[in-house]
Amino acid sequence: MMSSIKRGARSTIAPLAGWLGKRGVHPNTLTLLGLLFAGITAVLLAQGRLRLALIPYTLSGLADMLDGAVARATGRGSAFGAALDSTVDRVAEGVVLGGLLLGLLNAPPGGTVLCVSSILLFLISSFLVSYTRARAEGLGLECTVGWMERPARLVLLAILLLLGRSVLLPGLIILGLLTTWTVIQRMIHISHEVGRLARNEKTRKVAP
């Protein structure tokens, strides 16, 4: 399901990516612009202005999608650009969730332990979803299993911000648990793939 959503999103933004590419906009510029919008989002979230934060948060997500699309449309993708994009994505997630944590802690009646725990769970598991994929690719394996990839996390957190404070904390707990489950799914997938490769290698060695 998520793959079809991603394909649909790519086809939707393709004309805009082509337009930006023709005007000389560099993919790395869009990557850094997304980080800037993430910083603005964090400031607004820290002030408890959830719905207003949706505007720069949406722009940050759009920039995150466009940088890769512009790179593909213009052929200006590079190894450094890919590394920059991955790094900035992690920083942006950390900044946004840090701002959200400050906003929750500053809002009565508090719930400090639950707030910190839920956001830490979501943050750590989000990082691990990306790390497990990168680690698998380093082993020569594909690893795209699980629903809670970055686009899904962006959309679901945006929905929570739209719905408001009353559902934010329980929603964050659910997102954290779902994201953690995606990490577990990926580790199981990697275990199976490594075992399959080992069996194939053993079969080749014993074959006459």
N, C-alpha and C. Protein backbone atom coordinates (compact mmCIF):
# COMPACT_ATOMS: atom_id res chain seq x y z
N MET A 1 0.83 -1.21 0.00
CA MET A 1 0.00 0.00 0.00
C MET A 1 0.87 1.26 0.00
N MET A 2 1.92 1.27 0.90
CA MET A 2 2.76 2.44 0.98
C MET A 2 3.52 2.69 -0.32
N SER A 3 3.91 1.60 -1.01
CA SER A 3 4.63 1.79 -2.27
C SER A 3 3.75 2.47 -3.31
N SER A 4 2.45 2.12 -3.33
CA SER A 4 1.55 2.76 -4.29
C SER A 4 1.33 4.23 -3.94
N ILE A 5 1.28 4.54 -2.63
CA ILE A 5 1.15 5.93 -2.21
C ILE A 5 2.38 6.72 -2.63
N LYS A 6 3.56 6.13 -2.44
CA LYS A 6 4.80 6.80 -2.81
C LYS A 6 4.86 7.04 -4.31
N ARG A 7 4.42 6.04 -5.11
CA ARG A 7 4.41 6.23 -6.56
C ARG A 7 3.44 7.34 -6.96
N GLY A 8 2.28 7.37 -6.29
CA GLY A 8 1.31 8.42 -6.58
C GLY A 8 1.84 9.80 -6.23
N ALA A 9 2.54 9.91 -5.09
CA ALA A 9 3.10 11.19 -4.68
C ALA A 9 4.18 11.64 -5.66
N ARG A 10 5.00 10.69 -6.10
CA ARG A 10 6.07 11.03 -7.05
C ARG A 10 5.51 11.54 -8.37
N SER A 11 4.46 10.88 -8.86
CA SER A 11 3.88 11.31 -10.13
C SER A 11 3.20 12.68 -9.98
N THR A 12 2.67 12.96 -8.78
CA THR A 12 2.00 14.24 -8.54
C THR A 12 2.98 15.40 -8.54
N ILE A 13 4.15 15.19 -7.91
CA ILE A 13 5.10 16.29 -7.80
C ILE A 13 6.07 16.36 -8.97
N ALA A 14 6.02 15.38 -9.87
CA ALA A 14 6.95 15.36 -11.00
C ALA A 14 6.91 16.65 -11.83
N PRO A 15 5.72 17.18 -12.17
CA PRO A 15 5.70 18.43 -12.96
C PRO A 15 6.38 19.59 -12.23
N LEU A 16 6.14 19.71 -10.92
CA LEU A 16 6.77 20.78 -10.14
C LEU A 16 8.28 20.58 -10.09
N ALA A 17 8.71 19.32 -9.94
CA ALA A 17 10.14 19.03 -9.92
C ALA A 17 10.79 19.41 -11.25
N GLY A 18 10.11 19.09 -12.35
CA GLY A 18 10.64 19.46 -13.66
C GLY A 18 10.73 20.96 -13.83
N TRP A 19 9.71 21.66 -13.34
CA TRP A 19 9.68 23.14 -13.43
C TRP A 19 10.83 23.75 -12.64
N LEU A 20 11.06 23.24 -11.43
CA LEU A 20 12.16 23.75 -10.60
C LEU A 20 13.52 23.43 -11.22
N GLY A 21 13.63 22.23 -11.77
CA GLY A 21 14.88 21.84 -12.39
C GLY A 21 15.24 22.73 -13.57
N LYS A 22 14.25 23.09 -14.38
CA LYS A 22 14.50 23.94 -15.53
C LYS A 22 14.93 25.35 -15.12
N ARG A 23 14.59 25.74 -13.90
CA ARG A 23 14.98 27.06 -13.41
C ARG A 23 16.25 27.03 -12.57
N GLY A 24 16.93 25.90 -12.65
CA GLY A 24 18.25 25.82 -12.05
C GLY A 24 18.28 25.59 -10.56
N VAL A 25 17.15 25.20 -9.97
CA VAL A 25 17.14 24.94 -8.54
C VAL A 25 17.89 23.64 -8.26
N HIS A 26 18.88 23.71 -7.37
CA HIS A 26 19.70 22.53 -7.08
C HIS A 26 19.02 21.66 -6.03
N PRO A 27 19.08 20.33 -6.19
CA PRO A 27 18.46 19.45 -5.19
C PRO A 27 18.95 19.70 -3.76
N ASN A 28 20.24 19.99 -3.59
CA ASN A 28 20.77 20.23 -2.25
C ASN A 28 20.17 21.49 -1.62
N THR A 29 19.82 22.46 -2.46
CA THR A 29 19.17 23.67 -1.95
C THR A 29 17.81 23.32 -1.35
N LEU A 30 17.07 22.45 -2.02
CA LEU A 30 15.78 22.01 -1.50
C LEU A 30 15.94 21.21 -0.21
N THR A 31 16.99 20.40 -0.14
CA THR A 31 17.25 19.64 1.08
C THR A 31 17.45 20.57 2.27
N LEU A 32 18.27 21.60 2.09
CA LEU A 32 18.55 22.53 3.18
C LEU A 32 17.34 23.42 3.47
N LEU A 33 16.56 23.72 2.44
CA LEU A 33 15.33 24.48 2.65
C LEU A 33 14.35 23.69 3.52
N GLY A 34 14.29 22.38 3.29
CA GLY A 34 13.44 21.53 4.12
C GLY A 34 13.87 21.57 5.57
N LEU A 35 15.18 21.62 5.82
CA LEU A 35 15.67 21.72 7.20
C LEU A 35 15.28 23.05 7.82
N LEU A 36 15.35 24.12 7.04
CA LEU A 36 14.93 25.43 7.54
C LEU A 36 13.47 25.42 7.96
N PHE A 37 12.62 24.86 7.13
CA PHE A 37 11.19 24.77 7.47
C PHE A 37 10.97 23.89 8.69
N ALA A 38 11.77 22.84 8.84
CA ALA A 38 11.67 21.98 10.02
C ALA A 38 12.01 22.78 11.28
N GLY A 39 13.03 23.66 11.19
CA GLY A 39 13.38 24.51 12.33
C GLY A 39 12.26 25.46 12.70
N ILE A 40 11.62 26.05 11.70
CA ILE A 40 10.47 26.93 11.96
C ILE A 40 9.34 26.15 12.60
N THR A 41 9.11 24.93 12.11
CA THR A 41 8.09 24.05 12.69
C THR A 41 8.37 23.82 14.17
N ALA A 42 9.64 23.52 14.49
CA ALA A 42 10.01 23.23 15.87
C ALA A 42 9.74 24.42 16.79
N VAL A 43 10.05 25.62 16.32
CA VAL A 43 9.80 26.83 17.13
C VAL A 43 8.31 26.98 17.42
N LEU A 44 7.49 26.79 16.41
CA LEU A 44 6.04 26.92 16.59
C LEU A 44 5.49 25.82 17.50
N LEU A 45 6.00 24.61 17.35
CA LEU A 45 5.55 23.52 18.20
C LEU A 45 5.93 23.76 19.65
N ALA A 46 7.13 24.30 19.88
CA ALA A 46 7.57 24.61 21.24
C ALA A 46 6.68 25.65 21.89
N GLN A 47 6.07 26.50 21.06
CA GLN A 47 5.14 27.51 21.57
C GLN A 47 3.72 26.98 21.69
N GLY A 48 3.52 25.71 21.33
CA GLY A 48 2.19 25.11 21.42
C GLY A 48 1.26 25.48 20.28
N ARG A 49 1.78 26.03 19.21
CA ARG A 49 0.95 26.47 18.08
C ARG A 49 0.92 25.35 17.04
N LEU A 50 0.17 24.30 17.36
CA LEU A 50 0.22 23.06 16.59
C LEU A 50 -0.27 23.24 15.16
N ARG A 51 -1.42 23.85 15.00
CA ARG A 51 -2.00 23.95 13.65
C ARG A 51 -1.21 24.94 12.79
N LEU A 52 -0.70 25.99 13.37
CA LEU A 52 0.13 26.92 12.60
C LEU A 52 1.42 26.24 12.16
N ALA A 53 1.93 25.35 13.00
CA ALA A 53 3.15 24.61 12.66
C ALA A 53 2.95 23.70 11.46
N LEU A 54 1.70 23.37 11.16
CA LEU A 54 1.42 22.51 10.02
C LEU A 54 1.91 23.12 8.70
N ILE A 55 1.91 24.45 8.61
CA ILE A 55 2.29 25.09 7.35
C ILE A 55 3.77 24.84 7.04
N PRO A 56 4.71 25.24 7.93
CA PRO A 56 6.11 24.94 7.61
C PRO A 56 6.41 23.44 7.62
N TYR A 57 5.66 22.66 8.42
CA TYR A 57 5.89 21.21 8.44
C TYR A 57 5.55 20.59 7.09
N THR A 58 4.45 21.05 6.50
CA THR A 58 4.06 20.57 5.18
C THR A 58 5.09 20.99 4.13
N LEU A 59 5.57 22.23 4.23
CA LEU A 59 6.58 22.71 3.28
C LEU A 59 7.89 21.93 3.43
N SER A 60 8.24 21.58 4.67
CA SER A 60 9.43 20.77 4.89
C SER A 60 9.30 19.40 4.24
N GLY A 61 8.12 18.79 4.41
CA GLY A 61 7.89 17.49 3.77
C GLY A 61 7.90 17.58 2.26
N LEU A 62 7.35 18.67 1.72
CA LEU A 62 7.34 18.86 0.27
C LEU A 62 8.76 19.01 -0.25
N ALA A 63 9.57 19.80 0.45
CA ALA A 63 10.96 19.96 0.04
C ALA A 63 11.71 18.64 0.09
N ASP A 64 11.37 17.82 1.08
CA ASP A 64 12.00 16.52 1.23
C ASP A 64 11.67 15.60 0.05
N MET A 65 10.46 15.70 -0.47
CA MET A 65 10.09 14.91 -1.63
C MET A 65 10.69 15.48 -2.92
N LEU A 66 10.76 16.81 -2.99
CA LEU A 66 11.18 17.45 -4.22
C LEU A 66 12.67 17.33 -4.49
N ASP A 67 13.49 17.25 -3.42
CA ASP A 67 14.93 17.23 -3.68
C ASP A 67 15.32 16.00 -4.51
N GLY A 68 14.78 14.85 -4.14
CA GLY A 68 15.07 13.65 -4.92
C GLY A 68 14.45 13.70 -6.31
N ALA A 69 13.23 14.26 -6.39
CA ALA A 69 12.55 14.34 -7.69
C ALA A 69 13.29 15.26 -8.64
N VAL A 70 13.79 16.38 -8.12
CA VAL A 70 14.57 17.30 -8.96
C VAL A 70 15.88 16.65 -9.39
N ALA A 71 16.51 15.91 -8.47
CA ALA A 71 17.75 15.21 -8.81
C ALA A 71 17.53 14.22 -9.95
N ARG A 72 16.41 13.49 -9.88
CA ARG A 72 16.11 12.52 -10.94
C ARG A 72 15.76 13.22 -12.26
N ALA A 73 15.02 14.32 -12.17
CA ALA A 73 14.58 15.02 -13.37
C ALA A 73 15.73 15.70 -14.10
N THR A 74 16.73 16.14 -13.36
CA THR A 74 17.82 16.91 -13.96
C THR A 74 19.11 16.12 -14.10
N GLY A 75 19.14 14.91 -13.52
CA GLY A 75 20.38 14.13 -13.55
C GLY A 75 21.47 14.72 -12.69
N ARG A 76 21.08 15.52 -11.68
CA ARG A 76 22.08 16.17 -10.83
C ARG A 76 22.23 15.46 -9.49
N GLY A 77 21.76 14.22 -9.42
CA GLY A 77 21.96 13.45 -8.21
C GLY A 77 23.42 13.10 -8.01
N SER A 78 23.83 12.97 -6.76
CA SER A 78 25.21 12.64 -6.46
C SER A 78 25.27 11.85 -5.16
N ALA A 79 26.41 11.19 -4.93
CA ALA A 79 26.58 10.45 -3.68
C ALA A 79 26.54 11.39 -2.49
N PHE A 80 27.15 12.57 -2.64
CA PHE A 80 27.11 13.54 -1.55
C PHE A 80 25.69 14.02 -1.30
N GLY A 81 24.94 14.27 -2.37
CA GLY A 81 23.56 14.72 -2.22
C GLY A 81 22.71 13.70 -1.48
N ALA A 82 22.92 12.43 -1.80
CA ALA A 82 22.18 11.36 -1.11
C ALA A 82 22.55 11.32 0.37
N ALA A 83 23.85 11.47 0.67
CA ALA A 83 24.29 11.47 2.06
C ALA A 83 23.75 12.69 2.80
N LEU A 84 23.76 13.84 2.14
CA LEU A 84 23.23 15.06 2.75
C LEU A 84 21.75 14.92 3.03
N ASP A 85 21.02 14.37 2.07
CA ASP A 85 19.57 14.19 2.23
C ASP A 85 19.26 13.29 3.43
N SER A 86 19.96 12.16 3.53
CA SER A 86 19.71 11.24 4.64
C SER A 86 20.05 11.88 5.98
N THR A 87 21.15 12.61 6.02
CA THR A 87 21.56 13.26 7.27
C THR A 87 20.58 14.34 7.68
N VAL A 88 20.18 15.18 6.72
CA VAL A 88 19.25 16.27 7.01
C VAL A 88 17.89 15.72 7.44
N ASP A 89 17.47 14.61 6.84
CA ASP A 89 16.19 14.00 7.24
C ASP A 89 16.21 13.64 8.72
N ARG A 90 17.33 13.06 9.18
CA ARG A 90 17.43 12.68 10.60
C ARG A 90 17.44 13.92 11.50
N VAL A 91 18.18 14.95 11.08
CA VAL A 91 18.24 16.17 11.87
C VAL A 91 16.86 16.82 11.93
N ALA A 92 16.17 16.87 10.79
CA ALA A 92 14.85 17.50 10.74
C ALA A 92 13.86 16.77 11.65
N GLU A 93 13.88 15.44 11.63
CA GLU A 93 12.99 14.69 12.51
C GLU A 93 13.30 14.97 13.97
N GLY A 94 14.59 15.00 14.31
CA GLY A 94 14.97 15.27 15.68
C GLY A 94 14.57 16.67 16.13
N VAL A 95 14.75 17.65 15.26
CA VAL A 95 14.40 19.03 15.59
C VAL A 95 12.89 19.18 15.80
N VAL A 96 12.11 18.61 14.89
CA VAL A 96 10.65 18.72 14.99
C VAL A 96 10.13 18.05 16.27
N LEU A 97 10.60 16.84 16.54
CA LEU A 97 10.13 16.14 17.73
C LEU A 97 10.65 16.80 19.00
N GLY A 98 11.83 17.40 18.94
CA GLY A 98 12.33 18.16 20.09
C GLY A 98 11.44 19.36 20.38
N GLY A 99 11.04 20.07 19.33
CA GLY A 99 10.12 21.19 19.51
C GLY A 99 8.77 20.75 20.06
N LEU A 100 8.30 19.61 19.56
CA LEU A 100 7.03 19.07 20.05
C LEU A 100 7.13 18.69 21.52
N LEU A 101 8.27 18.13 21.91
CA LEU A 101 8.47 17.76 23.32
C LEU A 101 8.42 19.00 24.21
N LEU A 102 9.10 20.06 23.81
CA LEU A 102 9.07 21.30 24.59
C LEU A 102 7.65 21.84 24.71
N GLY A 103 6.90 21.78 23.60
CA GLY A 103 5.52 22.25 23.64
C GLY A 103 4.66 21.46 24.59
N LEU A 104 4.83 20.14 24.59
CA LEU A 104 4.04 19.29 25.48
C LEU A 104 4.42 19.51 26.95
N LEU A 105 5.71 19.68 27.22
CA LEU A 105 6.15 19.88 28.60
C LEU A 105 5.70 21.22 29.16
N ASN A 106 5.57 22.21 28.27
CA ASN A 106 5.17 23.55 28.72
C ASN A 106 3.67 23.70 28.87
N ALA A 107 2.91 22.70 28.40
CA ALA A 107 1.45 22.80 28.44
C ALA A 107 0.91 22.06 29.66
N PRO A 108 0.09 22.72 30.49
CA PRO A 108 -0.52 22.01 31.62
C PRO A 108 -1.50 20.95 31.10
N PRO A 109 -1.71 19.86 31.86
CA PRO A 109 -1.20 19.59 33.21
C PRO A 109 0.15 18.91 33.23
N GLY A 110 0.85 18.77 32.13
CA GLY A 110 2.19 18.18 32.18
C GLY A 110 2.21 16.75 31.68
N GLY A 111 2.45 15.79 32.59
CA GLY A 111 2.62 14.40 32.17
C GLY A 111 4.01 14.18 31.65
N THR A 112 5.00 14.68 32.42
CA THR A 112 6.38 14.75 31.94
C THR A 112 6.93 13.39 31.50
N VAL A 113 6.83 12.39 32.34
CA VAL A 113 7.43 11.09 32.04
C VAL A 113 6.81 10.50 30.78
N LEU A 114 5.50 10.57 30.65
CA LEU A 114 4.82 10.01 29.49
C LEU A 114 5.18 10.78 28.23
N CYS A 115 5.26 12.11 28.33
CA CYS A 115 5.63 12.93 27.17
C CYS A 115 7.02 12.57 26.67
N VAL A 116 7.98 12.56 27.60
CA VAL A 116 9.35 12.28 27.22
C VAL A 116 9.47 10.86 26.66
N SER A 117 8.82 9.90 27.32
CA SER A 117 8.92 8.51 26.89
C SER A 117 8.34 8.31 25.50
N SER A 118 7.17 8.90 25.24
CA SER A 118 6.51 8.70 23.95
C SER A 118 7.32 9.31 22.81
N ILE A 119 7.86 10.50 23.03
CA ILE A 119 8.61 11.15 21.96
C ILE A 119 9.97 10.48 21.76
N LEU A 120 10.61 10.05 22.85
CA LEU A 120 11.87 9.32 22.71
C LEU A 120 11.66 8.01 21.95
N LEU A 121 10.58 7.31 22.26
CA LEU A 121 10.28 6.06 21.55
C LEU A 121 10.09 6.33 20.07
N PHE A 122 9.31 7.34 19.72
CA PHE A 122 9.06 7.68 18.33
C PHE A 122 10.34 8.12 17.63
N LEU A 123 11.15 8.94 18.32
CA LEU A 123 12.38 9.45 17.72
C LEU A 123 13.39 8.34 17.47
N ILE A 124 13.64 7.53 18.49
CA ILE A 124 14.64 6.47 18.36
C ILE A 124 14.22 5.44 17.32
N SER A 125 12.95 5.05 17.37
CA SER A 125 12.48 4.05 16.40
C SER A 125 12.49 4.61 14.98
N SER A 126 12.21 5.92 14.82
CA SER A 126 12.27 6.54 13.49
C SER A 126 13.68 6.48 12.93
N PHE A 127 14.66 6.79 13.78
CA PHE A 127 16.04 6.71 13.34
C PHE A 127 16.41 5.27 12.96
N LEU A 128 15.93 4.32 13.75
CA LEU A 128 16.28 2.92 13.52
C LEU A 128 15.64 2.37 12.25
N VAL A 129 14.47 2.86 11.88
CA VAL A 129 13.86 2.44 10.61
C VAL A 129 14.80 2.76 9.45
N SER A 130 15.34 3.97 9.46
CA SER A 130 16.27 4.36 8.40
C SER A 130 17.59 3.62 8.52
N TYR A 131 18.07 3.44 9.77
CA TYR A 131 19.36 2.77 9.96
C TYR A 131 19.32 1.33 9.50
N THR A 132 18.25 0.61 9.83
CA THR A 132 18.18 -0.80 9.44
C THR A 132 18.17 -0.94 7.93
N ARG A 133 17.51 -0.04 7.24
CA ARG A 133 17.54 -0.10 5.78
C ARG A 133 18.95 0.16 5.25
N ALA A 134 19.60 1.20 5.80
CA ALA A 134 20.96 1.51 5.35
C ALA A 134 21.92 0.36 5.65
N ARG A 135 21.75 -0.25 6.82
CA ARG A 135 22.63 -1.36 7.20
C ARG A 135 22.41 -2.56 6.29
N ALA A 136 21.14 -2.82 5.96
CA ALA A 136 20.84 -3.93 5.06
C ALA A 136 21.43 -3.68 3.68
N GLU A 137 21.29 -2.44 3.19
CA GLU A 137 21.84 -2.13 1.87
C GLU A 137 23.36 -2.25 1.88
N GLY A 138 24.00 -1.97 3.03
CA GLY A 138 25.43 -2.16 3.15
C GLY A 138 25.82 -3.63 3.05
N LEU A 139 24.89 -4.51 3.38
CA LEU A 139 25.12 -5.96 3.25
C LEU A 139 24.69 -6.49 1.88
N GLY A 140 24.24 -5.58 1.02
CA GLY A 140 23.79 -5.99 -0.30
C GLY A 140 22.37 -6.50 -0.34
N LEU A 141 21.55 -6.11 0.65
CA LEU A 141 20.17 -6.58 0.74
C LEU A 141 19.20 -5.41 0.56
N GLU A 142 18.03 -5.71 0.04
CA GLU A 142 16.95 -4.73 0.02
C GLU A 142 16.16 -4.85 1.30
N CYS A 143 15.71 -3.70 1.83
CA CYS A 143 14.94 -3.74 3.08
C CYS A 143 13.96 -2.57 3.10
N THR A 144 12.79 -2.80 2.51
CA THR A 144 11.76 -1.76 2.48
C THR A 144 10.47 -2.24 3.14
N VAL A 145 10.57 -3.30 3.96
CA VAL A 145 9.36 -3.82 4.61
C VAL A 145 8.89 -2.86 5.69
N GLY A 146 7.61 -2.97 6.04
CA GLY A 146 7.05 -2.15 7.10
C GLY A 146 6.38 -0.90 6.56
N TRP A 147 5.38 -0.43 7.29
CA TRP A 147 4.59 0.73 6.85
C TRP A 147 5.23 2.07 7.22
N MET A 148 5.96 2.12 8.34
CA MET A 148 6.30 3.42 8.92
C MET A 148 7.62 3.97 8.39
N GLU A 149 7.70 4.10 7.07
CA GLU A 149 8.81 4.82 6.47
C GLU A 149 8.58 6.31 6.66
N ARG A 150 9.57 7.11 6.30
CA ARG A 150 9.49 8.55 6.57
C ARG A 150 8.24 9.21 5.99
N PRO A 151 7.82 8.94 4.74
CA PRO A 151 6.60 9.58 4.25
C PRO A 151 5.37 9.29 5.12
N ALA A 152 5.25 8.04 5.56
CA ALA A 152 4.11 7.69 6.42
C ALA A 152 4.18 8.43 7.75
N ARG A 153 5.39 8.54 8.32
CA ARG A 153 5.54 9.25 9.59
C ARG A 153 5.20 10.73 9.43
N LEU A 154 5.63 11.32 8.32
CA LEU A 154 5.32 12.72 8.07
C LEU A 154 3.81 12.96 8.00
N VAL A 155 3.13 12.11 7.24
CA VAL A 155 1.69 12.28 7.05
C VAL A 155 0.93 12.07 8.36
N LEU A 156 1.26 11.01 9.09
CA LEU A 156 0.52 10.69 10.31
C LEU A 156 0.77 11.72 11.40
N LEU A 157 2.00 12.23 11.50
CA LEU A 157 2.25 13.28 12.49
C LEU A 157 1.51 14.56 12.12
N ALA A 158 1.44 14.86 10.83
CA ALA A 158 0.69 16.04 10.37
C ALA A 158 -0.79 15.91 10.75
N ILE A 159 -1.34 14.71 10.62
CA ILE A 159 -2.74 14.49 10.99
C ILE A 159 -2.93 14.72 12.49
N LEU A 160 -1.99 14.26 13.30
CA LEU A 160 -2.08 14.48 14.75
C LEU A 160 -2.04 15.97 15.09
N LEU A 161 -1.17 16.71 14.41
CA LEU A 161 -1.10 18.15 14.65
C LEU A 161 -2.41 18.82 14.27
N LEU A 162 -3.02 18.37 13.20
CA LEU A 162 -4.29 18.93 12.75
C LEU A 162 -5.40 18.64 13.75
N LEU A 163 -5.41 17.43 14.30
CA LEU A 163 -6.47 17.04 15.24
C LEU A 163 -6.34 17.74 16.59
N GLY A 164 -5.11 18.15 16.94
CA GLY A 164 -4.96 18.95 18.14
C GLY A 164 -4.44 18.20 19.36
N ARG A 165 -4.30 18.96 20.44
CA ARG A 165 -3.64 18.47 21.65
C ARG A 165 -4.35 17.29 22.31
N SER A 166 -5.65 17.21 22.15
CA SER A 166 -6.41 16.17 22.87
C SER A 166 -6.01 14.76 22.43
N VAL A 167 -5.57 14.61 21.19
CA VAL A 167 -5.20 13.27 20.71
C VAL A 167 -3.70 13.14 20.48
N LEU A 168 -2.94 14.21 20.73
CA LEU A 168 -1.53 14.22 20.36
C LEU A 168 -0.72 13.19 21.14
N LEU A 169 -0.85 13.18 22.46
CA LEU A 169 -0.02 12.28 23.25
C LEU A 169 -0.34 10.80 23.00
N PRO A 170 -1.61 10.39 23.05
CA PRO A 170 -1.89 8.98 22.72
C PRO A 170 -1.51 8.64 21.28
N GLY A 171 -1.67 9.60 20.39
CA GLY A 171 -1.28 9.36 19.00
C GLY A 171 0.21 9.14 18.86
N LEU A 172 1.01 9.90 19.60
CA LEU A 172 2.46 9.73 19.56
C LEU A 172 2.87 8.37 20.09
N ILE A 173 2.19 7.92 21.13
CA ILE A 173 2.49 6.58 21.68
C ILE A 173 2.22 5.51 20.62
N ILE A 174 1.08 5.64 19.93
CA ILE A 174 0.74 4.67 18.89
C ILE A 174 1.75 4.72 17.75
N LEU A 175 2.12 5.93 17.32
CA LEU A 175 3.11 6.06 16.25
C LEU A 175 4.45 5.45 16.66
N GLY A 176 4.84 5.68 17.92
CA GLY A 176 6.09 5.10 18.41
C GLY A 176 6.06 3.59 18.38
N LEU A 177 4.95 3.01 18.79
CA LEU A 177 4.83 1.55 18.81
C LEU A 177 4.81 0.99 17.39
N LEU A 178 4.09 1.65 16.48
CA LEU A 178 4.05 1.19 15.10
C LEU A 178 5.42 1.29 14.43
N THR A 179 6.13 2.37 14.73
CA THR A 179 7.46 2.54 14.15
C THR A 179 8.43 1.51 14.71
N THR A 180 8.31 1.22 16.02
CA THR A 180 9.13 0.18 16.62
C THR A 180 8.85 -1.18 15.98
N TRP A 181 7.59 -1.44 15.69
CA TRP A 181 7.23 -2.70 15.02
C TRP A 181 7.86 -2.79 13.63
N THR A 182 7.93 -1.66 12.93
CA THR A 182 8.59 -1.64 11.63
C THR A 182 10.06 -2.01 11.76
N VAL A 183 10.72 -1.50 12.81
CA VAL A 183 12.12 -1.85 13.06
C VAL A 183 12.26 -3.36 13.28
N ILE A 184 11.35 -3.93 14.07
CA ILE A 184 11.38 -5.37 14.34
C ILE A 184 11.16 -6.14 13.04
N GLN A 185 10.19 -5.70 12.24
CA GLN A 185 9.95 -6.36 10.95
C GLN A 185 11.20 -6.35 10.08
N ARG A 186 11.90 -5.24 10.07
CA ARG A 186 13.09 -5.14 9.23
C ARG A 186 14.22 -6.03 9.74
N MET A 187 14.36 -6.13 11.06
CA MET A 187 15.39 -7.01 11.59
C MET A 187 15.07 -8.48 11.28
N ILE A 188 13.80 -8.84 11.37
CA ILE A 188 13.39 -10.20 11.00
C ILE A 188 13.67 -10.45 9.52
N HIS A 189 13.34 -9.47 8.69
CA HIS A 189 13.59 -9.58 7.25
C HIS A 189 15.08 -9.75 6.97
N ILE A 190 15.91 -8.95 7.62
CA ILE A 190 17.36 -9.06 7.42
C ILE A 190 17.85 -10.43 7.85
N SER A 191 17.34 -10.92 8.99
CA SER A 191 17.74 -12.25 9.48
C SER A 191 17.41 -13.33 8.46
N HIS A 192 16.20 -13.25 7.90
CA HIS A 192 15.78 -14.24 6.90
C HIS A 192 16.64 -14.16 5.64
N GLU A 193 16.92 -12.92 5.19
CA GLU A 193 17.69 -12.74 3.96
C GLU A 193 19.13 -13.21 4.13
N VAL A 194 19.73 -12.90 5.29
CA VAL A 194 21.09 -13.36 5.56
C VAL A 194 21.13 -14.89 5.61
N GLY A 195 20.13 -15.49 6.25
CA GLY A 195 20.06 -16.95 6.29
C GLY A 195 19.89 -17.56 4.92
N ARG A 196 19.06 -16.92 4.09
CA ARG A 196 18.85 -17.43 2.73
C ARG A 196 20.13 -17.37 1.92
N LEU A 197 20.86 -16.25 2.05
CA LEU A 197 22.12 -16.13 1.31
C LEU A 197 23.14 -17.16 1.79
N ALA A 198 23.17 -17.40 3.11
CA ALA A 198 24.10 -18.39 3.64
C ALA A 198 23.77 -19.78 3.13
N ARG A 199 22.48 -20.11 3.07
CA ARG A 199 22.08 -21.43 2.55
C ARG A 199 22.43 -21.56 1.08
N ASN A 200 22.20 -20.49 0.30
CA ASN A 200 22.55 -20.53 -1.12
C ASN A 200 24.04 -20.72 -1.32
N GLU A 201 24.83 -20.05 -0.50
CA GLU A 201 26.29 -20.17 -0.60
C GLU A 201 26.72 -21.58 -0.25
N LYS A 202 26.10 -22.16 0.78
CA LYS A 202 26.44 -23.53 1.17
C LYS A 202 26.08 -24.52 0.08
N THR A 203 24.92 -24.27 -0.56
CA THR A 203 24.49 -25.16 -1.64
C THR A 203 25.47 -25.12 -2.81
N ARG A 204 25.96 -23.91 -3.13
CA ARG A 204 26.92 -23.78 -4.25
C ARG A 204 28.22 -24.50 -3.93
N LYS A 205 28.64 -24.47 -2.67
CA LYS A 205 29.90 -25.10 -2.30
C LYS A 205 29.83 -26.62 -2.38
N VAL A 206 28.66 -27.19 -2.06
CA VAL A 206 28.55 -28.65 -2.06
C VAL A 206 28.09 -29.19 -3.40
N ALA A 207 27.70 -28.30 -4.30
CA ALA A 207 27.24 -28.77 -5.62
C ALA A 207 28.41 -29.34 -6.40
N PRO A 208 28.20 -30.47 -7.14
CA PRO A 208 29.27 -31.10 -7.91
C PRO A 208 29.69 -30.23 -9.08
